[in-house]
Amino acid sequence: FVVESVGFRDHGWLSANMAWPNSDALHVTER
């Protein structure tokens, strides 16, 4: 099942420990 996502707020954290940021240009592909 392949999921593509866009349209994120730019205040997110991709990881709590590492504090990886994301911008509004984030494109996530999940398989």
PDB file of all heavy atoms in Angstrom:
ATOM      1  N   PHE A   1       0.864  -1.170   0.000  1.00  0.00           N
ATOM      2  CA  PHE A   1       0.000   0.000   0.000  1.00  0.00           C
ATOM      3  C   PHE A   1       0.904   1.224   0.000  1.00  0.00           C
ATOM      4  O   PHE A   1       1.651   1.451   0.965  1.00  0.00           O
ATOM      5  CB  PHE A   1      -0.925  -0.020   1.224  1.00  0.00           C
ATOM      6  CG  PHE A   1      -1.944   1.080   1.261  1.00  0.00           C
ATOM      7  CD1 PHE A   1      -2.754   1.362   0.165  1.00  0.00           C
ATOM      8  CD2 PHE A   1      -2.125   1.826   2.412  1.00  0.00           C
ATOM      9  CE1 PHE A   1      -3.714   2.362   0.210  1.00  0.00           C
ATOM     10  CE2 PHE A   1      -3.080   2.826   2.474  1.00  0.00           C
ATOM     11  CZ  PHE A   1      -3.876   3.097   1.367  1.00  0.00           C
ATOM     12  N   VAL A   2       0.866   2.000  -1.069  1.00  0.00           N
ATOM     13  CA  VAL A   2       1.723   3.173  -1.228  1.00  0.00           C
ATOM     14  C   VAL A   2       0.896   4.422  -0.950  1.00  0.00           C
ATOM     15  O   VAL A   2      -0.142   4.639  -1.584  1.00  0.00           O
ATOM     16  CB  VAL A   2       2.330   3.240  -2.647  1.00  0.00           C
ATOM     17  CG1 VAL A   2       3.213   4.469  -2.794  1.00  0.00           C
ATOM     18  CG2 VAL A   2       3.108   1.970  -2.954  1.00  0.00           C
ATOM     19  N   VAL A   3       1.364   5.229  -0.003  1.00  0.00           N
ATOM     20  CA  VAL A   3       0.656   6.447   0.391  1.00  0.00           C
ATOM     21  C   VAL A   3       1.583   7.635   0.179  1.00  0.00           C
ATOM     22  O   VAL A   3       2.711   7.650   0.672  1.00  0.00           O
ATOM     23  CB  VAL A   3       0.224   6.382   1.875  1.00  0.00           C
ATOM     24  CG1 VAL A   3      -0.493   7.667   2.273  1.00  0.00           C
ATOM     25  CG2 VAL A   3      -0.643   5.165   2.139  1.00  0.00           C
ATOM     26  N   GLU A   4       1.091   8.632  -0.553  1.00  0.00           N
ATOM     27  CA  GLU A   4       1.835   9.873  -0.738  1.00  0.00           C
ATOM     28  C   GLU A   4       1.066  10.991  -0.061  1.00  0.00           C
ATOM     29  O   GLU A   4      -0.152  11.085  -0.201  1.00  0.00           O
ATOM     30  CB  GLU A   4       2.021  10.180  -2.222  1.00  0.00           C
ATOM     31  CG  GLU A   4       2.941   9.208  -2.923  1.00  0.00           C
ATOM     32  CD  GLU A   4       3.252   9.677  -4.321  1.00  0.00           C
ATOM     33  OE1 GLU A   4       4.006  10.654  -4.465  1.00  0.00           O
ATOM     34  OE2 GLU A   4       2.707   9.058  -5.254  1.00  0.00           O
ATOM     35  N   SER A   5       1.806  11.845   0.663  1.00  0.00           N
ATOM     36  CA  SER A   5       1.171  12.921   1.417  1.00  0.00           C
ATOM     37  C   SER A   5       1.920  14.233   1.219  1.00  0.00           C
ATOM     38  O   SER A   5       3.149  14.258   1.209  1.00  0.00           O
ATOM     39  CB  SER A   5       1.148  12.584   2.915  1.00  0.00           C
ATOM     40  OG  SER A   5       0.489  11.358   3.144  1.00  0.00           O
ATOM     41  N   VAL A   6       1.155  15.306   1.077  1.00  0.00           N
ATOM     42  CA  VAL A   6       1.678  16.677   0.990  1.00  0.00           C
ATOM     43  C   VAL A   6       0.737  17.567   1.793  1.00  0.00           C
ATOM     44  O   VAL A   6      -0.240  17.098   2.363  1.00  0.00           O
ATOM     45  CB  VAL A   6       1.765  17.182  -0.473  1.00  0.00           C
ATOM     46  CG1 VAL A   6       2.755  16.371  -1.289  1.00  0.00           C
ATOM     47  CG2 VAL A   6       0.393  17.184  -1.132  1.00  0.00           C
ATOM     48  N   GLY A   7       1.022  18.864   1.810  1.00  0.00           N
ATOM     49  CA  GLY A   7       0.117  19.810   2.472  1.00  0.00           C
ATOM     50  C   GLY A   7       0.270  19.859   3.977  1.00  0.00           C
ATOM     51  O   GLY A   7      -0.702  20.032   4.698  1.00  0.00           O
ATOM     52  N   PHE A   8       1.512  19.724   4.454  1.00  0.00           N
ATOM     53  CA  PHE A   8       1.760  19.721   5.899  1.00  0.00           C
ATOM     54  C   PHE A   8       1.991  21.131   6.427  1.00  0.00           C
ATOM     55  O   PHE A   8       2.510  21.998   5.735  1.00  0.00           O
ATOM     56  CB  PHE A   8       3.001  18.879   6.219  1.00  0.00           C
ATOM     57  CG  PHE A   8       2.823  17.420   5.918  1.00  0.00           C
ATOM     58  CD1 PHE A   8       3.275  16.889   4.725  1.00  0.00           C
ATOM     59  CD2 PHE A   8       2.201  16.578   6.830  1.00  0.00           C
ATOM     60  CE1 PHE A   8       3.117  15.543   4.441  1.00  0.00           C
ATOM     61  CE2 PHE A   8       2.034  15.239   6.547  1.00  0.00           C
ATOM     62  CZ  PHE A   8       2.486  14.718   5.361  1.00  0.00           C
ATOM     63  N   ARG A   9       1.653  21.321   7.695  1.00  0.00           N
ATOM     64  CA  ARG A   9       2.050  22.538   8.396  1.00  0.00           C
ATOM     65  C   ARG A   9       3.565  22.507   8.554  1.00  0.00           C
ATOM     66  O   ARG A   9       4.157  21.443   8.633  1.00  0.00           O
ATOM     67  CB  ARG A   9       1.411  22.598   9.778  1.00  0.00           C
ATOM     68  CG  ARG A   9      -0.082  22.746   9.738  1.00  0.00           C
ATOM     69  CD  ARG A   9      -0.636  22.791  11.164  1.00  0.00           C
ATOM     70  NE  ARG A   9      -2.060  22.901  11.136  1.00  0.00           N
ATOM     71  CZ  ARG A   9      -2.718  24.061  11.144  1.00  0.00           C
ATOM     72  NH1 ARG A   9      -2.058  25.194  11.189  1.00  0.00           N
ATOM     73  NH2 ARG A   9      -4.023  24.087  11.115  1.00  0.00           N
ATOM     74  N   ASP A  10       4.175  23.641   8.623  1.00  0.00           N
ATOM     75  CA  ASP A  10       5.639  23.680   8.702  1.00  0.00           C
ATOM     76  C   ASP A  10       6.166  23.738  10.130  1.00  0.00           C
ATOM     77  O   ASP A  10       7.298  24.110  10.349  1.00  0.00           O
ATOM     78  CB  ASP A  10       6.195  24.833   7.873  1.00  0.00           C
ATOM     79  CG  ASP A  10       5.748  26.194   8.385  1.00  0.00           C
ATOM     80  OD1 ASP A  10       4.951  26.249   9.338  1.00  0.00           O
ATOM     81  OD2 ASP A  10       6.204  27.197   7.821  1.00  0.00           O
ATOM     82  N   HIS A  11       5.374  23.327  11.099  1.00  0.00           N
ATOM     83  CA  HIS A  11       5.826  23.340  12.497  1.00  0.00           C
ATOM     84  C   HIS A  11       6.066  21.942  13.037  1.00  0.00           C
ATOM     85  O   HIS A  11       6.286  21.759  14.221  1.00  0.00           O
ATOM     86  CB  HIS A  11       4.793  24.036  13.387  1.00  0.00           C
ATOM     87  CG  HIS A  11       4.492  25.434  12.970  1.00  0.00           C
ATOM     88  ND1 HIS A  11       5.418  26.444  13.032  1.00  0.00           N
ATOM     89  CD2 HIS A  11       3.373  25.979  12.451  1.00  0.00           C
ATOM     90  CE1 HIS A  11       4.868  27.558  12.583  1.00  0.00           C
ATOM     91  NE2 HIS A  11       3.635  27.303  12.219  1.00  0.00           N
ATOM     92  N   GLY A  12       5.989  20.946  12.182  1.00  0.00           N
ATOM     93  CA  GLY A  12       6.070  19.569  12.636  1.00  0.00           C
ATOM     94  C   GLY A  12       7.466  19.113  13.032  1.00  0.00           C
ATOM     95  O   GLY A  12       8.466  19.743  12.703  1.00  0.00           O
ATOM     96  N   TRP A  13       7.486  18.010  13.759  1.00  0.00           N
ATOM     97  CA  TRP A  13       8.715  17.327  14.150  1.00  0.00           C
ATOM     98  C   TRP A  13       8.613  15.910  13.606  1.00  0.00           C
ATOM     99  O   TRP A  13       7.675  15.187  13.930  1.00  0.00           O
ATOM    100  CB  TRP A  13       8.850  17.268  15.663  1.00  0.00           C
ATOM    101  CG  TRP A  13       9.108  18.562  16.351  1.00  0.00           C
ATOM    102  CD1 TRP A  13       8.560  19.780  16.081  1.00  0.00           C
ATOM    103  CD2 TRP A  13       9.981  18.763  17.467  1.00  0.00           C
ATOM    104  NE1 TRP A  13       9.026  20.716  16.948  1.00  0.00           N
ATOM    105  CE2 TRP A  13       9.913  20.116  17.818  1.00  0.00           C
ATOM    106  CE3 TRP A  13      10.801  17.919  18.196  1.00  0.00           C
ATOM    107  CZ2 TRP A  13      10.640  20.651  18.868  1.00  0.00           C
ATOM    108  CZ3 TRP A  13      11.521  18.449  19.244  1.00  0.00           C
ATOM    109  CH2 TRP A  13      11.454  19.800  19.569  1.00  0.00           C
ATOM    110  N   LEU A  14       9.580  15.499  12.809  1.00  0.00           N
ATOM    111  CA  LEU A  14       9.562  14.143  12.275  1.00  0.00           C
ATOM    112  C   LEU A  14      10.067  13.137  13.292  1.00  0.00           C
ATOM    113  O   LEU A  14       9.859  11.943  13.140  1.00  0.00           O
ATOM    114  CB  LEU A  14      10.393  14.068  10.995  1.00  0.00           C
ATOM    115  CG  LEU A  14       9.914  14.972   9.852  1.00  0.00           C
ATOM    116  CD1 LEU A  14      10.840  14.853   8.658  1.00  0.00           C
ATOM    117  CD2 LEU A  14       8.491  14.641   9.466  1.00  0.00           C
ATOM    118  N   SER A  15      10.752  13.622  14.322  1.00  0.00           N
ATOM    119  CA  SER A  15      11.289  12.768  15.385  1.00  0.00           C
ATOM    120  C   SER A  15      11.348  13.589  16.660  1.00  0.00           C
ATOM    121  O   SER A  15      11.740  14.753  16.627  1.00  0.00           O
ATOM    122  CB  SER A  15      12.698  12.291  15.002  1.00  0.00           C
ATOM    123  OG  SER A  15      13.409  11.855  16.133  1.00  0.00           O
ATOM    124  N   ALA A  16      10.993  12.988  17.769  1.00  0.00           N
ATOM    125  CA  ALA A  16      11.081  13.702  19.045  1.00  0.00           C
ATOM    126  C   ALA A  16      12.529  13.822  19.493  1.00  0.00           C
ATOM    127  O   ALA A  16      13.012  14.907  19.793  1.00  0.00           O
ATOM    128  CB  ALA A  16      10.265  12.988  20.108  1.00  0.00           C
ATOM    129  N   ASN A  17      13.234  12.709  19.543  1.00  0.00           N
ATOM    130  CA  ASN A  17      14.605  12.707  20.046  1.00  0.00           C
ATOM    131  C   ASN A  17      15.540  13.548  19.187  1.00  0.00           C
ATOM    132  O   ASN A  17      16.284  14.381  19.686  1.00  0.00           O
ATOM    133  CB  ASN A  17      15.127  11.272  20.154  1.00  0.00           C
ATOM    134  CG  ASN A  17      16.510  11.225  20.758  1.00  0.00           C
ATOM    135  OD1 ASN A  17      16.789  11.932  21.717  1.00  0.00           O
ATOM    136  ND2 ASN A  17      17.367  10.410  20.195  1.00  0.00           N
ATOM    137  N   MET A  18      15.496  13.351  17.887  1.00  0.00           N
ATOM    138  CA  MET A  18      16.400  14.062  16.991  1.00  0.00           C
ATOM    139  C   MET A  18      15.873  15.437  16.596  1.00  0.00           C
ATOM    140  O   MET A  18      16.604  16.240  16.031  1.00  0.00           O
ATOM    141  CB  MET A  18      16.683  13.232  15.737  1.00  0.00           C
ATOM    142  CG  MET A  18      17.450  11.946  16.026  1.00  0.00           C
ATOM    143  SD  MET A  18      19.030  12.231  16.873  1.00  0.00           S
ATOM    144  CE  MET A  18      19.914  13.163  15.639  1.00  0.00           C
ATOM    145  N   ALA A  19      14.620  15.710  16.857  1.00  0.00           N
ATOM    146  CA  ALA A  19      14.001  17.001  16.558  1.00  0.00           C
ATOM    147  C   ALA A  19      14.111  17.370  15.079  1.00  0.00           C
ATOM    148  O   ALA A  19      14.304  18.524  14.723  1.00  0.00           O
ATOM    149  CB  ALA A  19      14.592  18.101  17.442  1.00  0.00           C
ATOM    150  N   TRP A  20      13.970  16.359  14.188  1.00  0.00           N
ATOM    151  CA  TRP A  20      14.025  16.628  12.746  1.00  0.00           C
ATOM    152  C   TRP A  20      12.864  17.543  12.363  1.00  0.00           C
ATOM    153  O   TRP A  20      11.712  17.223  12.603  1.00  0.00           O
ATOM    154  CB  TRP A  20      13.915  15.344  11.934  1.00  0.00           C
ATOM    155  CG  TRP A  20      14.938  14.288  12.162  1.00  0.00           C
ATOM    156  CD1 TRP A  20      14.708  13.012  12.582  1.00  0.00           C
ATOM    157  CD2 TRP A  20      16.350  14.374  11.958  1.00  0.00           C
ATOM    158  NE1 TRP A  20      15.882  12.310  12.656  1.00  0.00           N
ATOM    159  CE2 TRP A  20      16.916  13.128  12.268  1.00  0.00           C
ATOM    160  CE3 TRP A  20      17.202  15.392  11.543  1.00  0.00           C
ATOM    161  CZ2 TRP A  20      18.277  12.865  12.185  1.00  0.00           C
ATOM    162  CZ3 TRP A  20      18.565  15.124  11.456  1.00  0.00           C
ATOM    163  CH2 TRP A  20      19.080  13.880  11.772  1.00  0.00           C
ATOM    164  N   PRO A  21      13.131  18.670  11.735  1.00  0.00           N
ATOM    165  CA  PRO A  21      12.048  19.576  11.332  1.00  0.00           C
ATOM    166  C   PRO A  21      11.467  19.195   9.972  1.00  0.00           C
ATOM    167  O   PRO A  21      12.031  18.390   9.239  1.00  0.00           O
ATOM    168  CB  PRO A  21      12.749  20.934  11.248  1.00  0.00           C
ATOM    169  CG  PRO A  21      14.156  20.602  10.876  1.00  0.00           C
ATOM    170  CD  PRO A  21      14.462  19.271  11.524  1.00  0.00           C
ATOM    171  N   ASN A  22      10.343  19.781   9.668  1.00  0.00           N
ATOM    172  CA  ASN A  22       9.813  19.726   8.314  1.00  0.00           C
ATOM    173  C   ASN A  22       9.295  21.101   7.927  1.00  0.00           C
ATOM    174  O   ASN A  22       8.969  21.914   8.785  1.00  0.00           O
ATOM    175  CB  ASN A  22       8.728  18.661   8.144  1.00  0.00           C
ATOM    176  CG  ASN A  22       7.426  18.979   8.818  1.00  0.00           C
ATOM    177  OD1 ASN A  22       7.189  18.543   9.934  1.00  0.00           O
ATOM    178  ND2 ASN A  22       6.556  19.735   8.168  1.00  0.00           N
ATOM    179  N   SER A  23       9.257  21.343   6.641  1.00  0.00           N
ATOM    180  CA  SER A  23       8.723  22.600   6.125  1.00  0.00           C
ATOM    181  C   SER A  23       7.388  22.328   5.447  1.00  0.00           C
ATOM    182  O   SER A  23       6.922  21.188   5.391  1.00  0.00           O
ATOM    183  CB  SER A  23       9.710  23.214   5.121  1.00  0.00           C
ATOM    184  OG  SER A  23       9.645  22.523   3.887  1.00  0.00           O
ATOM    185  N   ASP A  24       6.810  23.365   4.879  1.00  0.00           N
ATOM    186  CA  ASP A  24       5.558  23.196   4.139  1.00  0.00           C
ATOM    187  C   ASP A  24       5.770  22.495   2.796  1.00  0.00           C
ATOM    188  O   ASP A  24       4.813  22.133   2.131  1.00  0.00           O
ATOM    189  CB  ASP A  24       4.869  24.547   3.938  1.00  0.00           C
ATOM    190  CG  ASP A  24       5.734  25.541   3.169  1.00  0.00           C
ATOM    191  OD1 ASP A  24       6.926  25.269   2.906  1.00  0.00           O
ATOM    192  OD2 ASP A  24       5.211  26.621   2.837  1.00  0.00           O
ATOM    193  N   ALA A  25       7.021  22.252   2.409  1.00  0.00           N
ATOM    194  CA  ALA A  25       7.334  21.551   1.154  1.00  0.00           C
ATOM    195  C   ALA A  25       7.457  20.038   1.355  1.00  0.00           C
ATOM    196  O   ALA A  25       7.780  19.317   0.412  1.00  0.00           O
ATOM    197  CB  ALA A  25       8.628  22.106   0.561  1.00  0.00           C
ATOM    198  N   LEU A  26       7.200  19.557   2.557  1.00  0.00           N
ATOM    199  CA  LEU A  26       7.346  18.134   2.866  1.00  0.00           C
ATOM    200  C   LEU A  26       6.461  17.265   1.966  1.00  0.00           C
ATOM    201  O   LEU A  26       5.277  17.538   1.795  1.00  0.00           O
ATOM    202  CB  LEU A  26       6.987  17.884   4.333  1.00  0.00           C
ATOM    203  CG  LEU A  26       6.985  16.430   4.817  1.00  0.00           C
ATOM    204  CD1 LEU A  26       8.375  15.815   4.714  1.00  0.00           C
ATOM    205  CD2 LEU A  26       6.460  16.366   6.254  1.00  0.00           C
ATOM    206  N   HIS A  27       7.079  16.220   1.413  1.00  0.00           N
ATOM    207  CA  HIS A  27       6.372  15.188   0.646  1.00  0.00           C
ATOM    208  C   HIS A  27       6.794  13.859   1.257  1.00  0.00           C
ATOM    209  O   HIS A  27       7.964  13.500   1.209  1.00  0.00           O
ATOM    210  CB  HIS A  27       6.770  15.263  -0.824  1.00  0.00           C
ATOM    211  CG  HIS A  27       6.097  14.251  -1.697  1.00  0.00           C
ATOM    212  ND1 HIS A  27       6.071  14.356  -3.063  1.00  0.00           N
ATOM    213  CD2 HIS A  27       5.429  13.101  -1.425  1.00  0.00           C
ATOM    214  CE1 HIS A  27       5.422  13.322  -3.579  1.00  0.00           C
ATOM    215  NE2 HIS A  27       5.034  12.548  -2.601  1.00  0.00           N
ATOM    216  N   VAL A  28       5.840  13.147   1.846  1.00  0.00           N
ATOM    217  CA  VAL A  28       6.109  11.868   2.494  1.00  0.00           C
ATOM    218  C   VAL A  28       5.544  10.751   1.617  1.00  0.00           C
ATOM    219  O   VAL A  28       4.390  10.819   1.184  1.00  0.00           O
ATOM    220  CB  VAL A  28       5.455  11.797   3.896  1.00  0.00           C
ATOM    221  CG1 VAL A  28       5.656  10.428   4.530  1.00  0.00           C
ATOM    222  CG2 VAL A  28       6.002  12.888   4.800  1.00  0.00           C
ATOM    223  N   THR A  29       6.368   9.730   1.377  1.00  0.00           N
ATOM    224  CA  THR A  29       5.908   8.532   0.688  1.00  0.00           C
ATOM    225  C   THR A  29       6.075   7.356   1.643  1.00  0.00           C
ATOM    226  O   THR A  29       7.178   7.098   2.121  1.00  0.00           O
ATOM    227  CB  THR A  29       6.702   8.268  -0.604  1.00  0.00           C
ATOM    228  OG1 THR A  29       6.593   9.416  -1.455  1.00  0.00           O
ATOM    229  CG2 THR A  29       6.166   7.039  -1.332  1.00  0.00           C
ATOM    230  N   GLU A  30       4.964   6.702   1.954  1.00  0.00           N
ATOM    231  CA  GLU A  30       4.982   5.529   2.834  1.00  0.00           C
ATOM    232  C   GLU A  30       4.645   4.300   2.006  1.00  0.00           C
ATOM    233  O   GLU A  30       3.746   4.335   1.179  1.00  0.00           O
ATOM    234  CB  GLU A  30       3.940   5.676   3.940  1.00  0.00           C
ATOM    235  CG  GLU A  30       4.133   6.884   4.826  1.00  0.00           C
ATOM    236  CD  GLU A  30       2.868   7.222   5.568  1.00  0.00           C
ATOM    237  OE1 GLU A  30       1.985   7.869   4.963  1.00  0.00           O
ATOM    238  OE2 GLU A  30       2.738   6.821   6.736  1.00  0.00           O
ATOM    239  N   ARG A  31       5.358   3.239   2.271  1.00  0.00           N
ATOM    240  CA  ARG A  31       5.098   1.956   1.618  1.00  0.00           C
ATOM    241  C   ARG A  31       4.814   0.950   2.727  1.00  0.00           C
ATOM    242  O   ARG A  31       5.705   0.592   3.488  1.00  0.00           O
ATOM    243  CB  ARG A  31       6.279   1.546   0.750  1.00  0.00           C
ATOM    244  CG  ARG A  31       6.598   2.596  -0.331  1.00  0.00           C
ATOM    245  CD  ARG A  31       7.766   2.195  -1.208  1.00  0.00           C
ATOM    246  NE  ARG A  31       7.447   1.068  -2.063  1.00  0.00           N
ATOM    247  CZ  ARG A  31       6.755   1.138  -3.197  1.00  0.00           C
ATOM    248  NH1 ARG A  31       6.308   2.293  -3.621  1.00  0.00           N
ATOM    249  NH2 ARG A  31       6.514   0.053  -3.896  1.00  0.00           N
TER     250      ARG A  31
END
